[in-house]
Amino acid sequence: MASTEKSLTQAHRFLVRGRVQGVGFRWFVEREAHILQIAGWVRNNPDGSVEVLAMGTREQLAGLRTRLLEGPRAARVDDVEESDAEPFAALNSFQVRGA
């Protein structure tokens, strides 16, 4: 059963734009990823966006996208760009990068 679950795992890259730095957005994403049991990372980009690389089932990633669109209370999300990414075996947890 576990091998079937692994084959359903997908990786997506999310680029979140708006007022998403300096408002606790990365820690919000980390908390939501833990709740959804998603592996990956989140980091601030120099252009003011926040980048998320996430790995999980289609349902888990859809749940994360919904949460990214909402963001934490102090944030303002203008856009979430989503693209496929290569699944990565090295990560089995979720982490904030560049903290």
PDB file of N, CA and C in Angstrom:
ATOM      1  N   MET A   1       0.828  -1.205   0.000  1.00  0.00           N
ATOM      2  CA  MET A   1       0.000   0.000   0.000  1.00  0.00           C
ATOM      3  C   MET A   1       0.865   1.259   0.000  1.00  0.00           C
ATOM      4  N   ALA A   2       1.975   1.219   0.726  1.00  0.00           N
ATOM      5  CA  ALA A   2       2.825   2.408   0.812  1.00  0.00           C
ATOM      6  C   ALA A   2       3.424   2.757  -0.548  1.00  0.00           C
ATOM      7  N   SER A   3       3.751   1.750  -1.373  1.00  0.00           N
ATOM      8  CA  SER A   3       4.316   2.045  -2.688  1.00  0.00           C
ATOM      9  C   SER A   3       3.285   2.728  -3.583  1.00  0.00           C
ATOM     10  N   THR A   4       2.015   2.361  -3.456  1.00  0.00           N
ATOM     11  CA  THR A   4       0.947   3.020  -4.213  1.00  0.00           C
ATOM     12  C   THR A   4       0.843   4.474  -3.791  1.00  0.00           C
ATOM     13  N   GLU A   5       0.923   4.711  -2.494  1.00  0.00           N
ATOM     14  CA  GLU A   5       0.846   6.075  -1.982  1.00  0.00           C
ATOM     15  C   GLU A   5       2.005   6.912  -2.513  1.00  0.00           C
ATOM     16  N   LYS A   6       3.213   6.332  -2.545  1.00  0.00           N
ATOM     17  CA  LYS A   6       4.380   7.046  -3.056  1.00  0.00           C
ATOM     18  C   LYS A   6       4.178   7.440  -4.519  1.00  0.00           C
ATOM     19  N   SER A   7       3.589   6.566  -5.316  1.00  0.00           N
ATOM     20  CA  SER A   7       3.411   6.857  -6.741  1.00  0.00           C
ATOM     21  C   SER A   7       2.410   7.987  -6.960  1.00  0.00           C
ATOM     22  N   LEU A   8       1.569   8.263  -5.976  1.00  0.00           N
ATOM     23  CA  LEU A   8       0.597   9.350  -6.091  1.00  0.00           C
ATOM     24  C   LEU A   8       1.168  10.682  -5.615  1.00  0.00           C
ATOM     25  N   THR A   9       2.408  10.649  -5.114  1.00  0.00           N
ATOM     26  CA  THR A   9       3.037  11.857  -4.610  1.00  0.00           C
ATOM     27  C   THR A   9       3.460  12.757  -5.766  1.00  0.00           C
ATOM     28  N   GLN A  10       3.136  14.033  -5.620  1.00  0.00           N
ATOM     29  CA  GLN A  10       3.485  15.032  -6.624  1.00  0.00           C
ATOM     30  C   GLN A  10       4.281  16.140  -5.943  1.00  0.00           C
ATOM     31  N   ALA A  11       5.023  16.896  -6.742  1.00  0.00           N
ATOM     32  CA  ALA A  11       5.742  18.054  -6.221  1.00  0.00           C
ATOM     33  C   ALA A  11       5.299  19.285  -7.009  1.00  0.00           C
ATOM     34  N   HIS A  12       5.030  20.363  -6.288  1.00  0.00           N
ATOM     35  CA  HIS A  12       4.636  21.615  -6.919  1.00  0.00           C
ATOM     36  C   HIS A  12       5.461  22.762  -6.352  1.00  0.00           C
ATOM     37  N   ARG A  13       5.698  23.749  -7.194  1.00  0.00           N
ATOM     38  CA  ARG A  13       6.365  24.975  -6.775  1.00  0.00           C
ATOM     39  C   ARG A  13       5.301  26.070  -6.772  1.00  0.00           C
ATOM     40  N   PHE A  14       5.232  26.798  -5.683  1.00  0.00           N
ATOM     41  CA  PHE A  14       4.296  27.918  -5.560  1.00  0.00           C
ATOM     42  C   PHE A  14       5.105  29.199  -5.407  1.00  0.00           C
ATOM     43  N   LEU A  15       4.724  30.226  -6.127  1.00  0.00           N
ATOM     44  CA  LEU A  15       5.336  31.539  -5.988  1.00  0.00           C
ATOM     45  C   LEU A  15       4.226  32.485  -5.537  1.00  0.00           C
ATOM     46  N   VAL A  16       4.359  33.008  -4.334  1.00  0.00           N
ATOM     47  CA  VAL A  16       3.311  33.830  -3.727  1.00  0.00           C
ATOM     48  C   VAL A  16       3.753  35.291  -3.753  1.00  0.00           C
ATOM     49  N   ARG A  17       2.901  36.143  -4.318  1.00  0.00           N
ATOM     50  CA  ARG A  17       3.213  37.572  -4.418  1.00  0.00           C
ATOM     51  C   ARG A  17       2.177  38.393  -3.665  1.00  0.00           C
ATOM     52  N   GLY A  18       2.614  39.569  -3.214  1.00  0.00           N
ATOM     53  CA  GLY A  18       1.771  40.475  -2.441  1.00  0.00           C
ATOM     54  C   GLY A  18       2.576  40.980  -1.262  1.00  0.00           C
ATOM     55  N   ARG A  19       1.890  41.289  -0.160  1.00  0.00           N
ATOM     56  CA  ARG A  19       2.600  41.657   1.076  1.00  0.00           C
ATOM     57  C   ARG A  19       2.793  40.363   1.858  1.00  0.00           C
ATOM     58  N   VAL A  20       3.873  39.644   1.512  1.00  0.00           N
ATOM     59  CA  VAL A  20       4.068  38.305   2.061  1.00  0.00           C
ATOM     60  C   VAL A  20       5.413  38.129   2.774  1.00  0.00           C
ATOM     61  N   GLN A  21       6.191  39.210   2.868  1.00  0.00           N
ATOM     62  CA  GLN A  21       7.428  39.144   3.651  1.00  0.00           C
ATOM     63  C   GLN A  21       7.295  40.071   4.851  1.00  0.00           C
ATOM     64  N   GLY A  22       7.847  39.630   5.980  1.00  0.00           N
ATOM     65  CA  GLY A  22       7.793  40.439   7.198  1.00  0.00           C
ATOM     66  C   GLY A  22       6.458  40.367   7.916  1.00  0.00           C
ATOM     67  N   VAL A  23       5.627  39.382   7.542  1.00  0.00           N
ATOM     68  CA  VAL A  23       4.294  39.254   8.150  1.00  0.00           C
ATOM     69  C   VAL A  23       4.059  37.846   8.708  1.00  0.00           C
ATOM     70  N   GLY A  24       5.151  37.068   8.860  1.00  0.00           N
ATOM     71  CA  GLY A  24       5.032  35.709   9.395  1.00  0.00           C
ATOM     72  C   GLY A  24       4.539  34.685   8.382  1.00  0.00           C
ATOM     73  N   PHE A  25       4.670  35.016   7.098  1.00  0.00           N
ATOM     74  CA  PHE A  25       4.135  34.133   6.057  1.00  0.00           C
ATOM     75  C   PHE A  25       4.841  32.780   6.032  1.00  0.00           C
ATOM     76  N   ARG A  26       6.176  32.775   6.160  1.00  0.00           N
ATOM     77  CA  ARG A  26       6.900  31.495   6.103  1.00  0.00           C
ATOM     78  C   ARG A  26       6.500  30.584   7.251  1.00  0.00           C
ATOM     79  N   TRP A  27       6.320  31.139   8.433  1.00  0.00           N
ATOM     80  CA  TRP A  27       5.941  30.314   9.578  1.00  0.00           C
ATOM     81  C   TRP A  27       4.499  29.844   9.456  1.00  0.00           C
ATOM     82  N   PHE A  28       3.655  30.652   8.856  1.00  0.00           N
ATOM     83  CA  PHE A  28       2.279  30.250   8.540  1.00  0.00           C
ATOM     84  C   PHE A  28       2.299  29.047   7.591  1.00  0.00           C
ATOM     85  N   VAL A  29       3.119  29.122   6.540  1.00  0.00           N
ATOM     86  CA  VAL A  29       3.208  28.035   5.567  1.00  0.00           C
ATOM     87  C   VAL A  29       3.743  26.770   6.228  1.00  0.00           C
ATOM     88  N   GLU A  30       4.756  26.932   7.073  1.00  0.00           N
ATOM     89  CA  GLU A  30       5.322  25.766   7.765  1.00  0.00           C
ATOM     90  C   GLU A  30       4.255  25.078   8.620  1.00  0.00           C
ATOM     91  N   ARG A  31       3.484  25.851   9.361  1.00  0.00           N
ATOM     92  CA  ARG A  31       2.431  25.280  10.210  1.00  0.00           C
ATOM     93  C   ARG A  31       1.380  24.548   9.371  1.00  0.00           C
ATOM     94  N   GLU A  32       0.936  25.179   8.289  1.00  0.00           N
ATOM     95  CA  GLU A  32      -0.078  24.564   7.435  1.00  0.00           C
ATOM     96  C   GLU A  32       0.464  23.294   6.773  1.00  0.00           C
ATOM     97  N   ALA A  33       1.720  23.302   6.362  1.00  0.00           N
ATOM     98  CA  ALA A  33       2.326  22.119   5.746  1.00  0.00           C
ATOM     99  C   ALA A  33       2.390  20.964   6.744  1.00  0.00           C
ATOM    100  N   HIS A  34       2.707  21.279   8.006  1.00  0.00           N
ATOM    101  CA  HIS A  34       2.726  20.230   9.035  1.00  0.00           C
ATOM    102  C   HIS A  34       1.332  19.658   9.234  1.00  0.00           C
ATOM    103  N   ILE A  35       0.333  20.511   9.277  1.00  0.00           N
ATOM    104  CA  ILE A  35      -1.054  20.058   9.444  1.00  0.00           C
ATOM    105  C   ILE A  35      -1.449  19.140   8.287  1.00  0.00           C
ATOM    106  N   LEU A  36      -1.061  19.517   7.073  1.00  0.00           N
ATOM    107  CA  LEU A  36      -1.416  18.749   5.874  1.00  0.00           C
ATOM    108  C   LEU A  36      -0.475  17.572   5.609  1.00  0.00           C
ATOM    109  N   GLN A  37       0.594  17.459   6.414  1.00  0.00           N
ATOM    110  CA  GLN A  37       1.602  16.404   6.277  1.00  0.00           C
ATOM    111  C   GLN A  37       2.285  16.462   4.914  1.00  0.00           C
ATOM    112  N   ILE A  38       2.724  17.670   4.557  1.00  0.00           N
ATOM    113  CA  ILE A  38       3.425  17.929   3.308  1.00  0.00           C
ATOM    114  C   ILE A  38       4.905  18.107   3.603  1.00  0.00           C
ATOM    115  N   ALA A  39       5.759  17.576   2.727  1.00  0.00           N
ATOM    116  CA  ALA A  39       7.210  17.772   2.840  1.00  0.00           C
ATOM    117  C   ALA A  39       7.619  18.913   1.917  1.00  0.00           C
ATOM    118  N   GLY A  40       8.743  19.563   2.243  1.00  0.00           N
ATOM    119  CA  GLY A  40       9.251  20.611   1.369  1.00  0.00           C
ATOM    120  C   GLY A  40       9.886  21.748   2.134  1.00  0.00           C
ATOM    121  N   TRP A  41       9.834  22.941   1.538  1.00  0.00           N
ATOM    122  CA  TRP A  41      10.433  24.117   2.168  1.00  0.00           C
ATOM    123  C   TRP A  41       9.750  25.389   1.688  1.00  0.00           C
ATOM    124  N   VAL A  42      10.000  26.466   2.438  1.00  0.00           N
ATOM    125  CA  VAL A  42       9.497  27.800   2.089  1.00  0.00           C
ATOM    126  C   VAL A  42      10.636  28.789   2.317  1.00  0.00           C
ATOM    127  N   ARG A  43      10.746  29.782   1.434  1.00  0.00           N
ATOM    128  CA  ARG A  43      11.797  30.793   1.593  1.00  0.00           C
ATOM    129  C   ARG A  43      11.340  32.116   0.991  1.00  0.00           C
ATOM    130  N   ASN A  44      11.943  33.208   1.494  1.00  0.00           N
ATOM    131  CA  ASN A  44      11.739  34.529   0.900  1.00  0.00           C
ATOM    132  C   ASN A  44      12.639  34.656  -0.319  1.00  0.00           C
ATOM    133  N   ASN A  45      12.148  35.311  -1.356  1.00  0.00           N
ATOM    134  CA  ASN A  45      12.954  35.616  -2.536  1.00  0.00           C
ATOM    135  C   ASN A  45      13.346  37.090  -2.508  1.00  0.00           C
ATOM    136  N   PRO A  46      14.465  37.440  -3.141  1.00  0.00           N
ATOM    137  CA  PRO A  46      14.924  38.841  -3.150  1.00  0.00           C
ATOM    138  C   PRO A  46      13.905  39.816  -3.753  1.00  0.00           C
ATOM    139  N   ASP A  47      13.023  39.338  -4.646  1.00  0.00           N
ATOM    140  CA  ASP A  47      12.046  40.227  -5.293  1.00  0.00           C
ATOM    141  C   ASP A  47      10.807  40.502  -4.440  1.00  0.00           C
ATOM    142  N   GLY A  48      10.794  39.992  -3.193  1.00  0.00           N
ATOM    143  CA  GLY A  48       9.655  40.239  -2.303  1.00  0.00           C
ATOM    144  C   GLY A  48       8.609  39.136  -2.306  1.00  0.00           C
ATOM    145  N   SER A  49       8.783  38.156  -3.178  1.00  0.00           N
ATOM    146  CA  SER A  49       7.847  37.030  -3.206  1.00  0.00           C
ATOM    147  C   SER A  49       8.293  35.963  -2.205  1.00  0.00           C
ATOM    148  N   VAL A  50       7.412  34.995  -1.968  1.00  0.00           N
ATOM    149  CA  VAL A  50       7.737  33.837  -1.143  1.00  0.00           C
ATOM    150  C   VAL A  50       7.604  32.610  -2.030  1.00  0.00           C
ATOM    151  N   GLU A  51       8.611  31.748  -1.991  1.00  0.00           N
ATOM    152  CA  GLU A  51       8.626  30.537  -2.807  1.00  0.00           C
ATOM    153  C   GLU A  51       8.410  29.320  -1.917  1.00  0.00           C
ATOM    154  N   VAL A  52       7.575  28.402  -2.378  1.00  0.00           N
ATOM    155  CA  VAL A  52       7.283  27.175  -1.645  1.00  0.00           C
ATOM    156  C   VAL A  52       7.510  25.992  -2.579  1.00  0.00           C
ATOM    157  N   LEU A  53       8.252  25.014  -2.127  1.00  0.00           N
ATOM    158  CA  LEU A  53       8.372  23.749  -2.835  1.00  0.00           C
ATOM    159  C   LEU A  53       7.718  22.707  -1.941  1.00  0.00           C
ATOM    160  N   ALA A  54       6.676  22.062  -2.445  1.00  0.00           N
ATOM    161  CA  ALA A  54       5.884  21.162  -1.612  1.00  0.00           C
ATOM    162  C   ALA A  54       5.678  19.825  -2.302  1.00  0.00           C
ATOM    163  N   MET A  55       5.671  18.763  -1.505  1.00  0.00           N
ATOM    164  CA  MET A  55       5.474  17.420  -2.030  1.00  0.00           C
ATOM    165  C   MET A  55       4.389  16.731  -1.226  1.00  0.00           C
ATOM    166  N   GLY A  56       3.395  16.197  -1.941  1.00  0.00           N
ATOM    167  CA  GLY A  56       2.295  15.497  -1.297  1.00  0.00           C
ATOM    168  C   GLY A  56       1.336  14.972  -2.347  1.00  0.00           C
ATOM    169  N   THR A  57       0.179  14.535  -1.910  1.00  0.00           N
ATOM    170  CA  THR A  57      -0.836  14.069  -2.852  1.00  0.00           C
ATOM    171  C   THR A  57      -1.503  15.275  -3.505  1.00  0.00           C
ATOM    172  N   ARG A  58      -2.252  15.026  -4.547  1.00  0.00           N
ATOM    173  CA  ARG A  58      -2.975  16.110  -5.218  1.00  0.00           C
ATOM    174  C   ARG A  58      -3.882  16.845  -4.230  1.00  0.00           C
ATOM    175  N   GLU A  59      -4.536  16.093  -3.338  1.00  0.00           N
ATOM    176  CA  GLU A  59      -5.445  16.700  -2.355  1.00  0.00           C
ATOM    177  C   GLU A  59      -4.672  17.558  -1.353  1.00  0.00           C
ATOM    178  N   GLN A  60      -3.528  17.056  -0.890  1.00  0.00           N
ATOM    179  CA  GLN A  60      -2.717  17.823   0.059  1.00  0.00           C
ATOM    180  C   GLN A  60      -2.236  19.122  -0.577  1.00  0.00           C
ATOM    181  N   LEU A  61      -1.774  19.050  -1.827  1.00  0.00           N
ATOM    182  CA  LEU A  61      -1.266  20.245  -2.504  1.00  0.00           C
ATOM    183  C   LEU A  61      -2.388  21.234  -2.794  1.00  0.00           C
ATOM    184  N   ALA A  62      -3.572  20.741  -3.112  1.00  0.00           N
ATOM    185  CA  ALA A  62      -4.720  21.634  -3.324  1.00  0.00           C
ATOM    186  C   ALA A  62      -5.077  22.341  -2.021  1.00  0.00           C
ATOM    187  N   GLY A  63      -4.996  21.615  -0.910  1.00  0.00           N
ATOM    188  CA  GLY A  63      -5.256  22.222   0.397  1.00  0.00           C
ATOM    189  C   GLY A  63      -4.235  23.303   0.723  1.00  0.00           C
ATOM    190  N   LEU A  64      -2.979  23.038   0.398  1.00  0.00           N
ATOM    191  CA  LEU A  64      -1.936  24.036   0.642  1.00  0.00           C
ATOM    192  C   LEU A  64      -2.180  25.276  -0.211  1.00  0.00           C
ATOM    193  N   ARG A  65      -2.526  25.086  -1.478  1.00  0.00           N
ATOM    194  CA  ARG A  65      -2.792  26.229  -2.363  1.00  0.00           C
ATOM    195  C   ARG A  65      -3.909  27.108  -1.788  1.00  0.00           C
ATOM    196  N   THR A  66      -4.960  26.488  -1.292  1.00  0.00           N
ATOM    197  CA  THR A  66      -6.065  27.236  -0.670  1.00  0.00           C
ATOM    198  C   THR A  66      -5.557  28.066   0.493  1.00  0.00           C
ATOM    199  N   ARG A  67      -4.719  27.474   1.328  1.00  0.00           N
ATOM    200  CA  ARG A  67      -4.179  28.187   2.493  1.00  0.00           C
ATOM    201  C   ARG A  67      -3.223  29.299   2.068  1.00  0.00           C
ATOM    202  N   LEU A  68      -2.429  29.054   1.013  1.00  0.00           N
ATOM    203  CA  LEU A  68      -1.517  30.091   0.522  1.00  0.00           C
ATOM    204  C   LEU A  68      -2.301  31.304   0.019  1.00  0.00           C
ATOM    205  N   LEU A  69      -3.432  31.069  -0.619  1.00  0.00           N
ATOM    206  CA  LEU A  69      -4.265  32.175  -1.113  1.00  0.00           C
ATOM    207  C   LEU A  69      -4.826  33.007   0.037  1.00  0.00           C
ATOM    208  N   GLU A  70      -5.077  32.371   1.184  1.00  0.00           N
ATOM    209  CA  GLU A  70      -5.597  33.079   2.363  1.00  0.00           C
ATOM    210  C   GLU A  70      -4.469  33.817   3.081  1.00  0.00           C
ATOM    211  N   GLY A  71      -3.379  33.095   3.371  1.00  0.00           N
ATOM    212  CA  GLY A  71      -2.255  33.672   4.088  1.00  0.00           C
ATOM    213  C   GLY A  71      -2.588  34.002   5.528  1.00  0.00           C
ATOM    214  N   PRO A  72      -1.587  34.424   6.300  1.00  0.00           N
ATOM    215  CA  PRO A  72      -1.846  34.843   7.678  1.00  0.00           C
ATOM    216  C   PRO A  72      -2.551  36.201   7.687  1.00  0.00           C
ATOM    217  N   ARG A  73      -3.077  36.575   8.807  1.00  0.00           N
ATOM    218  CA  ARG A  73      -3.897  37.786   8.926  1.00  0.00           C
ATOM    219  C   ARG A  73      -3.197  39.054   8.434  1.00  0.00           C
ATOM    220  N   ALA A  74      -1.895  39.191   8.719  1.00  0.00           N
ATOM    221  CA  ALA A  74      -1.178  40.425   8.368  1.00  0.00           C
ATOM    222  C   ALA A  74      -0.756  40.481   6.895  1.00  0.00           C
ATOM    223  N   ALA A  75      -0.902  39.379   6.183  1.00  0.00           N
ATOM    224  CA  ALA A  75      -0.450  39.321   4.792  1.00  0.00           C
ATOM    225  C   ALA A  75      -1.548  39.783   3.828  1.00  0.00           C
ATOM    226  N   ARG A  76      -1.103  40.116   2.620  1.00  0.00           N
ATOM    227  CA  ARG A  76      -2.042  40.372   1.513  1.00  0.00           C
ATOM    228  C   ARG A  76      -1.510  39.580   0.325  1.00  0.00           C
ATOM    229  N   VAL A  77      -2.232  38.556  -0.070  1.00  0.00           N
ATOM    230  CA  VAL A  77      -1.811  37.715  -1.183  1.00  0.00           C
ATOM    231  C   VAL A  77      -2.467  38.229  -2.455  1.00  0.00           C
ATOM    232  N   ASP A  78      -1.642  38.654  -3.415  1.00  0.00           N
ATOM    233  CA  ASP A  78      -2.147  39.141  -4.701  1.00  0.00           C
ATOM    234  C   ASP A  78      -2.208  38.034  -5.742  1.00  0.00           C
ATOM    235  N   ASP A  79      -1.278  37.083  -5.662  1.00  0.00           N
ATOM    236  CA  ASP A  79      -1.195  36.054  -6.699  1.00  0.00           C
ATOM    237  C   ASP A  79      -0.445  34.838  -6.172  1.00  0.00           C
ATOM    238  N   VAL A  80      -0.901  33.649  -6.569  1.00  0.00           N
ATOM    239  CA  VAL A  80      -0.173  32.408  -6.301  1.00  0.00           C
ATOM    240  C   VAL A  80       0.016  31.703  -7.641  1.00  0.00           C
ATOM    241  N   GLU A  81       1.273  31.652  -8.066  1.00  0.00           N
ATOM    242  CA  GLU A  81       1.626  30.972  -9.314  1.00  0.00           C
ATOM    243  C   GLU A  81       2.047  29.552  -8.952  1.00  0.00           C
ATOM    244  N   GLU A  82       1.483  28.571  -9.643  1.00  0.00           N
ATOM    245  CA  GLU A  82       1.762  27.168  -9.321  1.00  0.00           C
ATOM    246  C   GLU A  82       2.310  26.460 -10.545  1.00  0.00           C
ATOM    247  N   SER A  83       3.347  25.650 -10.349  1.00  0.00           N
ATOM    248  CA  SER A  83       3.901  24.863 -11.449  1.00  0.00           C
ATOM    249  C   SER A  83       4.367  23.513 -10.918  1.00  0.00           C
ATOM    250  N   ASP A  84       4.451  22.546 -11.813  1.00  0.00           N
ATOM    251  CA  ASP A  84       4.950  21.228 -11.435  1.00  0.00           C
ATOM    252  C   ASP A  84       6.434  21.310 -11.143  1.00  0.00           C
ATOM    253  N   ALA A  85       6.891  20.449 -10.257  1.00  0.00           N
ATOM    254  CA  ALA A  85       8.308  20.369  -9.922  1.00  0.00           C
ATOM    255  C   ALA A  85       8.694  18.897  -9.866  1.00  0.00           C
ATOM    256  N   GLU A  86       9.972  18.635  -9.868  1.00  0.00           N
ATOM    257  CA  GLU A  86      10.448  17.260  -9.746  1.00  0.00           C
ATOM    258  C   GLU A  86      10.286  16.803  -8.291  1.00  0.00           C
ATOM    259  N   PRO A  87       9.675  15.634  -8.067  1.00  0.00           N
ATOM    260  CA  PRO A  87       9.606  15.113  -6.692  1.00  0.00           C
ATOM    261  C   PRO A  87      11.019  14.925  -6.137  1.00  0.00           C
ATOM    262  N   PHE A  88      11.168  15.114  -4.861  1.00  0.00           N
ATOM    263  CA  PHE A  88      12.478  15.036  -4.220  1.00  0.00           C
ATOM    264  C   PHE A  88      12.401  14.065  -3.063  1.00  0.00           C
ATOM    265  N   ALA A  89      13.282  13.079  -3.075  1.00  0.00           N
ATOM    266  CA  ALA A  89      13.247  12.028  -2.055  1.00  0.00           C
ATOM    267  C   ALA A  89      13.976  12.437  -0.773  1.00  0.00           C
ATOM    268  N   ALA A  90      14.860  13.415  -0.864  1.00  0.00           N
ATOM    269  CA  ALA A  90      15.717  13.757   0.275  1.00  0.00           C
ATOM    270  C   ALA A  90      14.952  14.410   1.428  1.00  0.00           C
ATOM    271  N   LEU A  91      13.838  15.059   1.146  1.00  0.00           N
ATOM    272  CA  LEU A  91      13.100  15.742   2.211  1.00  0.00           C
ATOM    273  C   LEU A  91      11.883  14.931   2.648  1.00  0.00           C
ATOM    274  N   ASN A  92      11.768  14.725   3.946  1.00  0.00           N
ATOM    275  CA  ASN A  92      10.574  14.058   4.459  1.00  0.00           C
ATOM    276  C   ASN A  92       9.913  14.881   5.556  1.00  0.00           C
ATOM    277  N   SER A  93      10.315  16.159   5.638  1.00  0.00           N
ATOM    278  CA  SER A  93       9.689  17.094   6.570  1.00  0.00           C
ATOM    279  C   SER A  93       9.559  18.432   5.850  1.00  0.00           C
ATOM    280  N   PHE A  94       9.057  19.446   6.554  1.00  0.00           N
ATOM    281  CA  PHE A  94       8.906  20.764   5.959  1.00  0.00           C
ATOM    282  C   PHE A  94       9.732  21.757   6.754  1.00  0.00           C
ATOM    283  N   GLN A  95      10.435  22.639   6.062  1.00  0.00           N
ATOM    284  CA  GLN A  95      11.317  23.574   6.766  1.00  0.00           C
ATOM    285  C   GLN A  95      11.260  24.974   6.195  1.00  0.00           C
ATOM    286  N   VAL A  96      11.533  25.932   7.085  1.00  0.00           N
ATOM    287  CA  VAL A  96      11.664  27.332   6.692  1.00  0.00           C
ATOM    288  C   VAL A  96      13.132  27.541   6.352  1.00  0.00           C
ATOM    289  N   ARG A  97      13.388  28.074   5.174  1.00  0.00           N
ATOM    290  CA  ARG A  97      14.766  28.347   4.763  1.00  0.00           C
ATOM    291  C   ARG A  97      15.053  29.840   4.845  1.00  0.00           C
ATOM    292  N   GLY A  98      16.281  30.154   5.183  1.00  0.00           N
ATOM    293  CA  GLY A  98      16.708  31.547   5.235  1.00  0.00           C
ATOM    294  C   GLY A  98      16.137  32.315   6.414  1.00  0.00           C
ATOM    295  N   ALA A  99      15.764  31.619   7.481  1.00  0.00           N
ATOM    296  CA  ALA A  99      15.182  32.278   8.649  1.00  0.00           C
ATOM    297  C   ALA A  99      16.268  32.941   9.483  1.00  0.00           C
TER     298      ALA A  99
END
